[in-house]
Amino acid sequence: MTTGLTRNDIASTRLIVGLEIHVELSTRSKMFTRAANPACPEFEDAEPNTLVDPLVAALPGSLPVMNRRAVEMSAMVGMALGCSIAEHAKWDRKNYAYPDLPKGYQISQYDLPLCFDGAVDIPSVSADADGGMRRIGITRAHLEEDTGKLGHELPGGVRYSGSLVDLNRAGTPLLEIVTEPDFDCAEDVVTFARELRSICRFLGVTEGVMQKGHMRFEPNINLVIDTTDGREFRTPVIEIKNLNSFRAVDGAIRHETERQLEEFLSTGRVMGMGMKQTRGWDDDRLVTVLQREKEDAHDYRYFPEPDLVPVEMDEAWKDRIRASIPELPIARRARYHDEFGLPEKDASALIDDQGLCHFFERTVDAQLAVADPPSSRNAGHDSAKLLLNQMAKKANESGVVAHEIGITAEQVGELLALRRSGELPTQAIDRLLELASESPQSVAELAEANDLLAIRDEGAIEGWLAEAVVAQPQAAEDVRNGKDAAIGRLVGAVMKASGGQADAKDVRERLFAMLRDG
């Protein structure tokens, strides 16, 4: 069947997207057994099929026992997303046959989920956004167990014609978050996805490494199509499975928007019973590919799990969980902007890692605790600059993050104080960071012992400046004529004369003052 319509007959299209997000929780053990959890960093490199016990393998007589910590982590996320937390939530069996699901069913939650009715406000590019913000409704967040994983490569990357089953992931605590269909553009979906990842990582409930499957995004997409003769059509909902990068989320939604319009014009397929599909994303060809017709809820034959008691969460338990939730990324970014003057990019980089964020705040506190403290704004700005530049560079070389290179927050505060006073030249910072990462000594002692402190002899500095101008007359003339790039030759001459112990930044400023103002 065809519609007989062409693109010229289309008055407008409107994209509708809802998201399902699967978050692997980083508890030490799995959801219903004490077997080790591969989503925990301690076990992430385990050999295939080594994190398996009788329950994971579905051996007769093995019974599930609920992981309390996974329930608490899920409630934390729900609270952070503005959800109500159920006083009574039960477990259900979701039945389907997959090779990586030994039991033949998944323990999940159906009609009584743990978290429900929440909302998150995100910055939006949509013209319909209220004040540049859009509210995304959270339908529910329910807790379940993950399946295993199928592979098609032998060790060494050799292609295998069959399927290889790894049950390490089977039973991993999995929080499924379902949004309302409140998105109308790919940009807002990616913004929400990034914000959710930031929240979950900051709460410490997941490592959030998307390439390892810690978070998987599944957009449900369809179009509202209005024709020039006043009719409205809605295309079938398509679910794109297991997207593990923001680039894939963006690309899949954009591609599917075009594909659904073309399919509608070609076939006339519209929303109705049995019309849902799941599709995968081909990251090489940048297209979606059909996987299977999508089951409806009744196809899974849900029924209450007979081997588990319901979750009964009283107010005292909820209060203890709520008290453990720190200031969340959205509020913290706003505070970093207002209090420290940090740009959005720097604030987001600090907050992306909870450990780095807390280290940053300790460096600020260390600076403000001295006898003659800088302003809070300067302390925050200088700390962020050092952490995200020199310390990040050193961390990358060592394969760690900036706060793990061996330097304490107190040492960073002391280094910044020396730099602020002019006692430590800019070019000495990298060397001093290296020394401090290997020694508990004070930064001042390390700088003095290794001749890293700046020379403060005014007479000597003035002499070096004058000598540089005489030795580089053309460079001096170029600077006088507004050619700023020429200052580098003069600074180099001064640094050479000082044996590298003059402050390059101070020298540069003095030379400009001498040649422009003098």
Protein backbone atom coordinates (compact mmCIF):
# COMPACT_ATOMS: atom_id res chain seq x y z
CA MET A 1 0.00 0.00 0.00
CA THR A 2 1.21 3.50 -0.80
CA THR A 3 -0.15 6.85 0.30
CA GLY A 4 0.00 8.53 -3.08
CA LEU A 5 1.58 11.45 -1.24
CA THR A 6 4.87 13.18 -2.06
CA ARG A 7 7.04 15.51 -0.06
CA ASN A 8 5.16 18.41 -1.66
CA ASP A 9 2.02 17.19 0.13
CA ILE A 10 3.68 17.36 3.57
CA ALA A 11 2.83 20.56 5.44
CA SER A 12 4.92 19.76 8.52
CA THR A 13 6.44 16.96 10.57
CA ARG A 14 6.97 16.78 14.30
CA LEU A 15 9.41 14.42 15.98
CA ILE A 16 8.37 12.63 19.18
CA VAL A 17 11.01 10.85 21.24
CA GLY A 18 10.92 9.08 24.57
CA LEU A 19 13.96 7.44 26.12
CA GLU A 20 14.64 4.18 27.88
CA ILE A 21 17.99 4.15 29.65
CA HIS A 22 19.63 1.09 31.17
CA VAL A 23 22.13 1.85 33.94
CA GLU A 24 24.36 -0.95 35.25
CA LEU A 25 24.81 -0.36 38.99
CA SER A 26 28.34 -0.79 40.33
CA THR A 27 27.56 -2.87 43.43
CA ARG A 28 30.19 -5.51 44.30
CA SER A 29 27.71 -8.36 43.87
CA LYS A 30 24.91 -9.05 41.43
CA MET A 31 21.24 -8.27 41.86
CA PHE A 32 19.99 -11.53 43.34
CA THR A 33 23.17 -13.41 44.23
CA ARG A 34 26.59 -12.83 45.81
CA ALA A 35 28.39 -13.57 42.54
CA ALA A 36 30.79 -10.74 41.61
CA ASN A 37 29.42 -7.92 39.46
CA PRO A 38 31.40 -7.00 36.29
CA ALA A 39 30.02 -3.43 36.48
CA CYS A 40 32.15 -3.01 39.63
CA PRO A 41 35.70 -1.85 38.68
CA GLU A 42 37.18 -4.62 40.81
CA PHE A 43 35.80 -7.30 38.47
CA GLU A 44 35.47 -5.58 35.10
CA ASP A 45 38.38 -7.47 33.50
CA ALA A 46 37.22 -10.96 34.53
CA GLU A 47 37.62 -13.73 31.97
CA PRO A 48 34.38 -14.81 30.22
CA ASN A 49 32.02 -16.99 32.24
CA THR A 50 34.01 -16.70 35.48
CA LEU A 51 31.42 -14.58 37.36
CA VAL A 52 28.83 -17.32 37.31
CA ASP A 53 27.26 -19.27 40.17
CA PRO A 54 24.31 -21.71 40.36
CA LEU A 55 21.74 -18.89 40.37
CA VAL A 56 23.24 -17.13 37.33
CA ALA A 57 23.42 -20.48 35.51
CA ALA A 58 19.79 -21.21 36.51
CA LEU A 59 20.59 -24.53 38.15
CA PRO A 60 17.64 -26.23 39.86
CA GLY A 61 17.10 -25.34 43.50
CA SER A 62 18.93 -21.97 43.42
CA LEU A 63 16.88 -19.11 44.87
CA PRO A 64 17.31 -15.31 44.49
CA VAL A 65 18.04 -12.94 47.37
CA MET A 66 17.62 -9.18 46.85
CA ASN A 67 20.69 -6.89 46.84
CA ARG A 68 19.79 -4.14 49.35
CA ARG A 69 22.51 -1.77 48.12
CA ALA A 70 21.18 -1.91 44.56
CA VAL A 71 17.74 -0.90 45.84
CA GLU A 72 19.26 2.04 47.72
CA MET A 73 21.27 3.15 44.68
CA SER A 74 18.12 3.02 42.56
CA ALA A 75 16.19 5.08 45.09
CA MET A 76 19.01 7.66 45.10
CA VAL A 77 18.74 8.05 41.34
CA GLY A 78 14.96 8.26 41.57
CA MET A 79 15.16 10.99 44.20
CA ALA A 80 17.70 12.91 42.10
CA LEU A 81 15.24 12.74 39.18
CA GLY A 82 12.40 14.09 41.30
CA CYS A 83 10.57 10.76 41.46
CA SER A 84 8.23 9.48 44.11
CA ILE A 85 9.65 6.40 45.81
CA ALA A 86 7.22 3.55 46.31
CA GLU A 87 6.45 2.33 49.80
CA HIS A 88 5.62 -1.04 48.25
CA ALA A 89 7.31 -2.35 45.09
CA LYS A 90 7.21 -5.92 43.90
CA TRP A 91 9.20 -8.18 41.58
CA ASP A 92 7.85 -9.74 38.41
CA ARG A 93 8.99 -12.32 35.90
CA LYS A 94 9.37 -11.08 32.34
CA ASN A 95 9.38 -14.14 30.10
CA TYR A 96 11.33 -14.41 26.88
CA ALA A 97 13.78 -16.92 25.44
CA TYR A 98 17.27 -15.66 24.68
CA PRO A 99 20.50 -17.70 24.55
CA ASP A 100 22.12 -15.37 27.13
CA LEU A 101 19.20 -15.65 29.58
CA PRO A 102 19.57 -19.13 31.13
CA LYS A 103 16.39 -18.97 33.24
CA GLY A 104 14.19 -18.13 30.27
CA TYR A 105 12.87 -15.11 32.19
CA GLN A 106 14.20 -11.88 33.65
CA ILE A 107 13.38 -10.73 37.17
CA SER A 108 12.09 -7.18 36.72
CA GLN A 109 9.34 -4.85 37.97
CA TYR A 110 6.13 -4.35 36.03
CA ASP A 111 3.14 -2.60 37.56
CA LEU A 112 4.69 -1.53 40.89
CA PRO A 113 8.13 -0.02 40.13
CA LEU A 114 10.46 1.41 42.75
CA CYS A 115 10.48 4.99 41.36
CA PHE A 116 7.79 6.86 39.42
CA ASP A 117 6.42 10.30 38.41
CA GLY A 118 9.57 12.42 38.28
CA ALA A 119 10.89 15.27 36.14
CA VAL A 120 14.17 16.93 35.17
CA ASP A 121 14.67 20.41 33.69
CA ILE A 122 17.30 20.68 30.96
CA PRO A 123 18.57 23.52 28.74
CA SER A 124 16.76 23.22 25.41
CA VAL A 125 17.32 24.38 21.85
CA SER A 126 13.63 23.93 21.05
CA ALA A 127 11.60 26.97 20.11
CA ASP A 128 8.86 25.68 22.43
CA ALA A 129 11.11 25.64 25.50
CA ASP A 130 10.02 27.86 28.38
CA GLY A 131 12.82 30.33 29.12
CA GLY A 132 15.33 28.12 27.35
CA MET A 133 14.52 25.18 29.65
CA ARG A 134 12.44 22.07 29.00
CA ARG A 135 10.92 19.74 31.57
CA ILE A 136 11.39 16.05 30.80
CA GLY A 137 8.98 13.78 32.63
CA ILE A 138 10.26 10.57 34.19
CA THR A 139 7.59 7.90 33.89
CA ARG A 140 9.34 5.32 36.05
CA ALA A 141 12.66 3.83 37.08
CA HIS A 142 12.50 0.14 37.85
CA LEU A 143 15.13 -2.32 38.98
CA GLU A 144 15.89 -5.60 37.24
CA GLU A 145 18.74 -7.92 36.31
CA ASP A 146 20.82 -7.68 33.15
CA THR A 147 21.19 -10.52 30.66
CA GLY A 148 24.43 -12.11 29.50
CA LYS A 149 26.15 -11.12 26.30
CA LEU A 150 26.49 -12.76 22.89
CA GLY A 151 29.71 -12.42 20.89
CA HIS A 152 30.85 -13.45 17.44
CA GLU A 153 34.64 -13.26 17.74
CA LEU A 154 37.13 -15.78 19.05
CA PRO A 155 40.16 -14.65 21.11
CA GLY A 156 42.45 -12.56 18.92
CA GLY A 157 39.56 -11.09 16.95
CA VAL A 158 38.96 -14.12 14.70
CA ARG A 159 35.40 -14.07 13.33
CA TYR A 160 33.22 -16.97 14.50
CA SER A 161 30.21 -18.10 12.48
CA GLY A 162 28.18 -19.06 15.55
CA SER A 163 27.35 -17.20 18.75
CA LEU A 164 29.52 -17.21 21.88
CA VAL A 165 27.74 -16.77 25.21
CA ASP A 166 29.36 -14.91 28.11
CA LEU A 167 27.26 -15.01 31.29
CA ASN A 168 29.45 -12.66 33.32
CA ARG A 169 27.00 -9.79 32.84
CA ALA A 170 23.92 -11.95 33.59
CA GLY A 171 22.39 -10.87 36.88
CA THR A 172 24.06 -7.45 37.03
CA PRO A 173 21.78 -4.91 38.79
CA LEU A 174 20.16 -2.88 36.04
CA LEU A 175 18.14 0.29 36.60
CA GLU A 176 15.83 1.05 33.68
CA ILE A 177 14.76 4.69 33.51
CA VAL A 178 11.83 5.53 31.23
CA THR A 179 11.02 9.10 30.22
CA GLU A 180 7.83 10.58 28.88
CA PRO A 181 7.88 11.25 25.10
CA ASP A 182 8.80 14.89 25.79
CA PHE A 183 11.61 15.37 23.26
CA ASP A 184 11.15 16.90 19.82
CA CYS A 185 14.76 17.18 18.67
CA ALA A 186 17.95 15.12 18.83
CA GLU A 187 19.89 17.91 20.55
CA ASP A 188 17.66 17.84 23.63
CA VAL A 189 17.86 14.05 23.85
CA VAL A 190 21.67 14.25 23.93
CA THR A 191 21.57 17.04 26.52
CA PHE A 192 19.34 14.91 28.76
CA ALA A 193 21.51 11.82 28.20
CA ARG A 194 24.64 13.72 29.22
CA GLU A 195 22.90 15.17 32.27
CA LEU A 196 21.63 11.77 33.39
CA ARG A 197 25.08 10.23 33.00
CA SER A 198 26.54 13.08 35.05
CA ILE A 199 23.94 12.57 37.80
CA CYS A 200 24.48 8.81 37.98
CA ARG A 201 28.27 9.10 38.01
CA PHE A 202 28.16 11.83 40.64
CA LEU A 203 25.93 9.74 42.87
CA GLY A 204 28.49 6.96 42.57
CA VAL A 205 25.96 4.37 41.39
CA THR A 206 27.74 3.56 38.10
CA GLU A 207 31.10 4.05 36.44
CA GLY A 208 29.15 5.32 33.45
CA VAL A 209 31.64 4.09 30.82
CA MET A 210 29.32 3.83 27.87
CA GLN A 211 31.74 1.84 25.70
CA LYS A 212 31.61 -0.88 28.38
CA GLY A 213 27.83 -0.92 28.41
CA HIS A 214 27.46 0.72 31.82
CA MET A 215 24.80 2.98 30.30
CA ARG A 216 22.77 2.11 27.20
CA PHE A 217 20.28 4.49 25.60
CA GLU A 218 17.24 3.34 23.63
CA PRO A 219 15.18 6.12 22.01
CA ASN A 220 11.58 5.38 21.01
CA ILE A 221 10.87 7.48 17.94
CA ASN A 222 7.93 8.35 15.72
CA LEU A 223 6.67 11.26 13.63
CA VAL A 224 3.48 13.28 13.50
CA ILE A 225 2.94 14.15 9.85
CA ASP A 226 0.50 16.87 8.79
CA THR A 227 -0.47 17.08 5.14
CA THR A 228 -1.48 20.11 3.15
CA ASP A 229 -5.08 18.87 2.96
CA GLY A 230 -5.43 18.94 6.76
CA ARG A 231 -4.90 15.28 7.62
CA GLU A 232 -2.64 14.00 10.41
CA PHE A 233 -0.71 10.71 10.42
CA ARG A 234 1.48 9.12 13.08
CA THR A 235 4.20 6.69 12.10
CA PRO A 236 4.77 3.50 14.15
CA VAL A 237 7.04 3.80 17.19
CA ILE A 238 10.53 2.50 16.47
CA GLU A 239 12.88 1.58 19.32
CA ILE A 240 16.61 1.89 18.61
CA LYS A 241 18.44 -0.60 20.82
CA ASN A 242 21.61 -0.34 22.89
CA LEU A 243 23.18 2.95 21.82
CA ASN A 244 26.42 3.40 23.75
CA SER A 245 27.63 6.84 22.71
CA PHE A 246 26.12 10.31 22.50
CA ARG A 247 27.18 10.45 18.87
CA ALA A 248 25.17 7.30 18.17
CA VAL A 249 22.13 8.70 19.99
CA ASP A 250 22.24 11.86 17.90
CA GLY A 251 22.92 10.07 14.61
CA ALA A 252 20.26 7.39 15.11
CA ILE A 253 17.51 9.92 15.87
CA ARG A 254 18.40 12.12 12.90
CA HIS A 255 18.57 9.17 10.53
CA GLU A 256 15.33 7.64 11.82
CA THR A 257 13.51 10.96 11.38
CA GLU A 258 14.28 10.91 7.66
CA ARG A 259 13.78 7.14 7.27
CA GLN A 260 10.32 7.16 8.84
CA LEU A 261 9.11 9.93 6.56
CA GLU A 262 10.40 8.09 3.50
CA GLU A 263 8.81 4.82 4.66
CA PHE A 264 5.47 6.53 5.29
CA LEU A 265 5.44 8.05 1.81
CA SER A 266 6.38 4.68 0.33
CA THR A 267 4.22 2.26 2.35
CA GLY A 268 1.66 4.29 4.33
CA ARG A 269 2.57 2.48 7.57
CA VAL A 270 1.02 4.21 10.57
CA MET A 271 0.81 3.56 14.29
CA GLY A 272 -1.28 0.59 15.37
CA MET A 273 -1.24 -2.72 17.20
CA GLY A 274 1.67 -4.94 16.22
CA MET A 275 3.38 -2.19 14.23
CA LYS A 276 6.28 -1.50 16.62
CA GLN A 277 9.80 -2.47 15.60
CA THR A 278 13.21 -2.57 17.18
CA ARG A 279 16.15 -1.47 15.09
CA GLY A 280 19.89 -1.38 15.63
CA TRP A 281 22.39 1.34 14.77
CA ASP A 282 25.18 0.68 12.28
CA ASP A 283 27.98 2.99 13.38
CA ASP A 284 29.90 2.48 10.14
CA ARG A 285 27.11 3.11 7.64
CA LEU A 286 25.26 5.57 9.94
CA VAL A 287 21.90 3.91 9.37
CA THR A 288 19.38 1.99 11.47
CA VAL A 289 18.74 -1.67 10.59
CA LEU A 290 15.69 -3.80 11.35
CA GLN A 291 16.14 -6.34 14.15
CA ARG A 292 12.65 -7.65 14.95
CA GLU A 293 9.03 -6.74 15.39
CA LYS A 294 8.57 -5.27 18.87
CA GLU A 295 6.64 -7.22 21.49
CA ASP A 296 3.84 -5.55 23.41
CA ALA A 297 3.75 -5.85 27.20
CA HIS A 298 1.31 -8.77 27.16
CA ASP A 299 3.71 -10.79 25.02
CA TYR A 300 6.12 -11.05 27.95
CA ARG A 301 3.50 -12.79 30.13
CA TYR A 302 4.44 -10.88 33.28
CA PHE A 303 3.50 -12.46 36.58
CA PRO A 304 4.65 -11.83 40.19
CA GLU A 305 8.01 -13.38 41.12
CA PRO A 306 7.14 -16.12 43.65
CA ASP A 307 10.63 -16.45 45.14
CA LEU A 308 11.12 -12.83 46.29
CA VAL A 309 9.32 -10.75 48.90
CA PRO A 310 8.24 -7.22 47.87
CA VAL A 311 10.35 -4.16 48.69
CA GLU A 312 8.83 -2.32 51.64
CA MET A 313 10.49 1.08 51.98
CA ASP A 314 9.42 3.10 55.03
CA GLU A 315 10.06 6.83 55.53
CA ALA A 316 13.03 6.24 57.84
CA TRP A 317 14.82 4.24 55.14
CA LYS A 318 13.96 6.85 52.51
CA ASP A 319 15.26 9.63 54.77
CA ARG A 320 18.59 7.85 55.25
CA ILE A 321 18.97 7.50 51.48
CA ARG A 322 17.92 11.11 50.88
CA ALA A 323 20.50 12.35 53.40
CA SER A 324 23.27 10.61 51.45
CA ILE A 325 22.55 12.52 48.21
CA PRO A 326 25.12 15.28 47.62
CA GLU A 327 24.59 18.57 45.82
CA LEU A 328 23.73 17.47 42.29
CA PRO A 329 25.57 18.45 39.09
CA ILE A 330 23.01 21.00 37.80
CA ALA A 331 23.03 22.96 41.07
CA ARG A 332 26.79 22.57 41.49
CA ARG A 333 27.51 23.89 37.98
CA ALA A 334 25.37 26.94 38.68
CA ARG A 335 27.21 27.53 41.97
CA TYR A 336 30.64 27.18 40.35
CA HIS A 337 29.61 29.79 37.79
CA ASP A 338 28.22 32.21 40.37
CA GLU A 339 30.81 31.71 43.12
CA PHE A 340 33.99 31.10 41.13
CA GLY A 341 33.17 32.58 37.72
CA LEU A 342 33.91 29.29 35.96
CA PRO A 343 32.68 28.89 32.37
CA GLU A 344 30.22 26.06 31.67
CA LYS A 345 32.88 23.90 30.00
CA ASP A 346 35.25 24.02 33.00
CA ALA A 347 32.49 23.48 35.56
CA SER A 348 31.20 20.47 33.61
CA ALA A 349 34.71 18.98 33.33
CA LEU A 350 35.19 19.21 37.11
CA ILE A 351 31.78 17.75 37.92
CA ASP A 352 32.06 14.89 35.44
CA ASP A 353 34.19 12.99 37.98
CA GLN A 354 33.02 13.01 41.60
CA GLY A 355 36.54 12.49 42.96
CA LEU A 356 37.96 15.34 40.88
CA CYS A 357 35.08 17.60 41.96
CA HIS A 358 35.70 16.95 45.66
CA PHE A 359 39.46 17.41 45.19
CA PHE A 360 38.80 20.77 43.52
CA GLU A 361 36.70 21.92 46.45
CA ARG A 362 39.41 20.84 48.91
CA THR A 363 42.01 22.89 47.00
CA VAL A 364 39.73 25.92 47.25
CA ASP A 365 39.27 25.33 50.98
CA ALA A 366 43.03 24.97 51.43
CA GLN A 367 43.61 28.39 49.87
CA LEU A 368 40.90 30.06 51.90
CA ALA A 369 42.23 28.62 55.17
CA VAL A 370 45.56 30.55 55.16
CA ALA A 371 46.25 33.76 57.08
CA ASP A 372 45.92 36.04 54.04
CA PRO A 373 43.49 34.19 51.76
CA PRO A 374 42.63 35.16 48.19
CA SER A 375 39.04 35.88 47.26
CA SER A 376 36.81 32.84 46.85
CA ARG A 377 36.48 33.69 43.15
CA ASN A 378 40.26 33.77 42.61
CA ALA A 379 40.80 30.59 44.61
CA GLY A 380 38.22 28.71 42.52
CA HIS A 381 39.43 30.10 39.21
CA ASP A 382 43.10 29.33 39.90
CA SER A 383 42.36 25.83 41.21
CA ALA A 384 40.24 24.94 38.19
CA LYS A 385 42.85 26.26 35.76
CA LEU A 386 45.64 24.21 37.35
CA LEU A 387 43.56 21.03 37.64
CA LEU A 388 42.22 21.15 34.10
CA ASN A 389 45.50 22.11 32.42
CA GLN A 390 48.89 21.16 33.90
CA MET A 391 47.56 18.54 36.30
CA ALA A 392 45.25 17.02 33.67
CA LYS A 393 48.17 16.80 31.25
CA LYS A 394 50.32 15.00 33.81
CA ALA A 395 47.41 12.69 34.68
CA ASN A 396 46.86 11.77 31.02
CA GLU A 397 50.51 10.80 30.71
CA SER A 398 50.12 8.51 33.72
CA GLY A 399 46.76 7.04 32.70
CA VAL A 400 44.88 8.42 35.73
CA VAL A 401 42.72 11.44 36.53
CA ALA A 402 44.13 14.70 37.86
CA HIS A 403 43.42 14.15 41.55
CA GLU A 404 45.17 10.75 41.46
CA ILE A 405 48.68 11.85 40.48
CA GLY A 406 49.87 11.84 44.10
CA ILE A 407 49.53 15.52 45.00
CA THR A 408 47.44 16.58 47.97
CA ALA A 409 44.92 19.40 47.93
CA GLU A 410 47.08 21.21 50.51
CA GLN A 411 50.10 21.02 48.20
CA VAL A 412 48.04 22.43 45.34
CA GLY A 413 46.86 25.27 47.55
CA GLU A 414 50.44 26.04 48.55
CA LEU A 415 51.64 25.94 44.94
CA LEU A 416 48.93 28.38 43.89
CA ALA A 417 49.83 30.70 46.77
CA LEU A 418 53.46 30.74 45.60
CA ARG A 419 52.36 31.41 42.06
CA ARG A 420 50.01 34.18 43.14
CA SER A 421 52.76 35.93 45.12
CA GLY A 422 55.13 35.80 42.15
CA GLU A 423 57.62 33.57 43.97
CA LEU A 424 57.05 30.67 41.57
CA PRO A 425 57.60 31.31 37.86
CA THR A 426 55.06 29.85 35.43
CA GLN A 427 57.61 27.63 33.73
CA ALA A 428 58.46 25.92 37.03
CA ILE A 429 54.94 24.62 37.69
CA ASP A 430 55.26 21.38 35.70
CA ARG A 431 58.54 20.45 37.40
CA LEU A 432 57.16 21.26 40.83
CA LEU A 433 54.07 19.15 40.17
CA GLU A 434 56.32 16.24 39.28
CA LEU A 435 58.34 16.66 42.48
CA ALA A 436 55.25 17.06 44.67
CA SER A 437 53.67 13.91 43.25
CA GLU A 438 56.66 11.94 44.57
CA SER A 439 57.17 13.66 47.93
CA PRO A 440 55.06 14.61 50.96
CA GLN A 441 57.28 17.68 51.57
CA SER A 442 55.80 21.13 51.40
CA VAL A 443 55.79 22.73 47.98
CA ALA A 444 57.88 25.66 49.26
CA GLU A 445 60.60 23.28 50.48
CA LEU A 446 60.63 21.39 47.21
CA ALA A 447 60.79 24.59 45.17
CA GLU A 448 63.67 26.00 47.25
CA ALA A 449 65.63 22.74 47.26
CA ASN A 450 65.42 22.47 43.48
CA ASP A 451 66.11 26.16 42.63
CA LEU A 452 62.61 26.67 41.23
CA LEU A 453 61.75 29.92 43.02
CA ALA A 454 61.74 33.06 40.94
CA ILE A 455 64.59 35.56 41.27
CA ARG A 456 63.20 38.67 42.97
CA ASP A 457 66.32 40.89 42.61
CA GLU A 458 64.89 44.02 40.96
CA GLY A 459 68.30 45.26 39.92
CA ALA A 460 69.18 42.00 38.21
CA ILE A 461 65.82 41.83 36.43
CA GLU A 462 66.06 45.40 35.16
CA GLY A 463 69.55 44.63 33.88
CA TRP A 464 68.40 41.56 31.98
CA LEU A 465 65.54 43.49 30.41
CA ALA A 466 67.88 46.23 29.21
CA GLU A 467 70.38 43.68 27.88
CA ALA A 468 67.63 41.88 25.94
CA VAL A 469 66.50 45.10 24.26
CA VAL A 470 70.07 45.90 23.23
CA ALA A 471 70.69 42.33 22.01
CA GLN A 472 67.41 42.17 20.05
CA PRO A 473 66.93 45.69 18.61
CA GLN A 474 64.67 44.59 15.74
CA ALA A 475 62.38 42.65 18.09
CA ALA A 476 62.21 45.66 20.40
CA GLU A 477 61.29 47.92 17.49
CA ASP A 478 58.63 45.47 16.29
CA VAL A 479 57.02 45.43 19.74
CA ARG A 480 57.04 49.25 19.83
CA ASN A 481 55.18 49.16 16.49
CA GLY A 482 52.47 46.85 17.80
CA LYS A 483 53.82 43.49 16.62
CA ASP A 484 53.17 41.52 19.82
CA ALA A 485 54.55 38.23 18.51
CA ALA A 486 58.05 39.68 18.56
CA ILE A 487 57.98 39.80 22.37
CA GLY A 488 58.87 36.09 22.44
CA ARG A 489 62.46 36.74 21.31
CA LEU A 490 62.95 39.29 24.06
CA VAL A 491 61.43 37.07 26.74
CA GLY A 492 63.67 34.23 25.58
CA ALA A 493 66.77 36.40 25.93
CA VAL A 494 65.81 37.38 29.50
CA MET A 495 65.07 33.79 30.49
CA LYS A 496 68.42 32.67 29.12
CA ALA A 497 70.23 35.37 31.05
CA SER A 498 68.41 34.45 34.28
CA GLY A 499 69.10 30.75 33.96
CA GLY A 500 65.35 30.16 33.69
CA GLN A 501 64.62 31.59 37.15
CA ALA A 502 62.86 34.76 36.09
CA ASP A 503 59.08 34.64 35.88
CA ALA A 504 58.28 34.57 32.16
CA LYS A 505 54.86 36.14 32.66
CA ASP A 506 56.30 38.95 34.77
CA VAL A 507 59.09 39.48 32.23
CA ARG A 508 56.60 39.72 29.38
CA GLU A 509 54.53 42.34 31.22
CA ARG A 510 57.62 44.37 32.14
CA LEU A 511 58.89 44.36 28.54
CA PHE A 512 55.56 45.57 27.18
CA ALA A 513 55.50 48.34 29.80
CA MET A 514 59.08 49.32 28.99
CA LEU A 515 58.66 49.40 25.22
CA ARG A 516 55.10 50.71 24.95
CA ASP A 517 54.75 53.00 27.94
CA GLY A 518 58.34 53.95 28.64
